Amino acid sequence: MVAGGHDDSKRRDHAQFRNADDRWQLRFDAVATRSYAIHATLAGLPDGFIPCRITVDEADATFDDNPDTRVLSTTVDVPAVGEVAVTSCSG
């Protein structure tokens, strides 16, 4: 229980995806910090989208990018309320 009688035990995790020409973002609003294994196909994005940088709340994260399959892979620790962003080299 927290002040005001709000019960966090029934709160659910949420994620929101946003896409721009040179960047995509996942915003998380979760109950706790979590590790996320992300495997994302880039096949639906323009051919010029080549990932250069992945950040978690502005801090750089490591990733693998397979140009043959256009699949990006990373495992990141994200705070309960945080953002994972992928930025293209063209951006």
Protein backbone atom coordinates (compact mmCIF):
# COMPACT_ATOMS: atom_id res chain seq x y z
CA MET A 1 0.00 0.00 0.00
CA VAL A 2 1.12 3.53 -0.68
CA ALA A 3 -0.21 6.89 0.46
CA GLY A 4 -3.76 7.56 -0.60
CA GLY A 5 -4.76 3.93 -0.44
CA HIS A 6 -3.40 2.99 -3.90
CA ASP A 7 -2.49 -0.70 -4.09
CA ASP A 8 0.54 -1.31 -6.40
CA SER A 9 0.16 -5.08 -6.14
CA LYS A 10 -2.41 -5.00 -8.98
CA ARG A 11 -0.39 -2.67 -11.19
CA ARG A 12 0.63 -4.15 -14.54
CA ASP A 13 3.70 -3.49 -16.65
CA HIS A 14 3.25 -1.41 -19.79
CA ALA A 15 5.46 -0.73 -22.78
CA GLN A 16 5.02 1.81 -25.54
CA PHE A 17 6.72 1.76 -28.94
CA ARG A 18 7.53 4.89 -30.95
CA ASN A 19 9.17 5.06 -34.35
CA ALA A 20 10.76 7.94 -36.25
CA ASP A 21 12.82 7.88 -39.44
CA ASP A 22 16.17 7.55 -37.67
CA ARG A 23 15.21 6.26 -34.20
CA TRP A 24 12.85 3.93 -32.41
CA GLN A 25 12.05 3.83 -28.74
CA LEU A 26 10.54 1.46 -26.21
CA ARG A 27 9.26 3.18 -23.08
CA PHE A 28 8.59 1.02 -20.05
CA ASP A 29 6.40 1.67 -17.03
CA ALA A 30 6.84 -1.40 -14.88
CA VAL A 31 6.57 -2.42 -11.27
CA ALA A 32 10.33 -3.10 -10.93
CA THR A 33 13.67 -2.96 -12.76
CA ARG A 34 13.91 -5.82 -15.25
CA SER A 35 16.24 -7.37 -17.78
CA TYR A 36 14.85 -7.48 -21.30
CA ALA A 37 16.20 -9.65 -24.11
CA ILE A 38 15.31 -7.78 -27.29
CA HIS A 39 15.43 -9.43 -30.71
CA ALA A 40 13.98 -7.08 -33.30
CA THR A 41 13.73 -7.43 -37.03
CA LEU A 42 14.65 -4.32 -38.94
CA ALA A 43 13.21 -5.73 -42.16
CA GLY A 44 10.14 -3.47 -41.97
CA LEU A 45 12.28 -0.35 -41.70
CA PRO A 46 13.87 1.46 -44.65
CA ASP A 47 17.04 -0.15 -46.03
CA GLY A 48 19.02 2.88 -44.86
CA PHE A 49 18.21 2.16 -41.20
CA ILE A 50 21.47 0.78 -39.83
CA PRO A 51 21.61 0.75 -36.03
CA CYS A 52 24.58 2.67 -34.60
CA ARG A 53 23.62 3.12 -30.99
CA ILE A 54 21.35 1.61 -28.37
CA THR A 55 20.79 3.46 -25.12
CA VAL A 56 18.98 2.77 -21.88
CA ASP A 57 18.00 6.12 -20.40
CA GLU A 58 20.80 7.80 -22.42
CA ALA A 59 23.51 5.30 -21.33
CA ASP A 60 25.09 3.23 -24.12
CA ALA A 61 24.28 -0.48 -24.30
CA THR A 62 25.95 -3.22 -26.32
CA PHE A 63 24.13 -4.95 -29.17
CA ASP A 64 24.58 -7.31 -32.11
CA ASP A 65 23.27 -6.50 -35.56
CA ASN A 66 23.17 -9.17 -38.25
CA PRO A 67 23.07 -7.40 -41.64
CA ASP A 68 22.15 -10.63 -43.45
CA THR A 69 18.99 -11.25 -41.40
CA ARG A 70 18.47 -7.60 -40.33
CA VAL A 71 17.92 -8.75 -36.75
CA LEU A 72 19.16 -6.65 -33.87
CA SER A 73 19.77 -8.37 -30.50
CA THR A 74 20.55 -6.99 -27.06
CA THR A 75 19.91 -7.71 -23.41
CA VAL A 76 19.43 -4.64 -21.25
CA ASP A 77 18.54 -3.81 -17.67
CA VAL A 78 15.81 -1.18 -17.67
CA PRO A 79 14.64 0.75 -14.62
CA ALA A 80 10.98 0.38 -13.67
CA VAL A 81 10.28 3.56 -15.63
CA GLY A 82 12.80 3.77 -18.44
CA GLU A 83 13.48 3.96 -22.15
CA VAL A 84 15.42 1.87 -24.64
CA ALA A 85 16.28 3.76 -27.85
CA VAL A 86 17.85 2.55 -31.09
CA THR A 87 19.39 5.24 -33.29
CA SER A 88 20.34 4.80 -36.94
CA CYS A 89 23.73 5.77 -38.39
CA SER A 90 21.85 7.91 -40.90
CA GLY A 91 20.31 10.03 -38.12
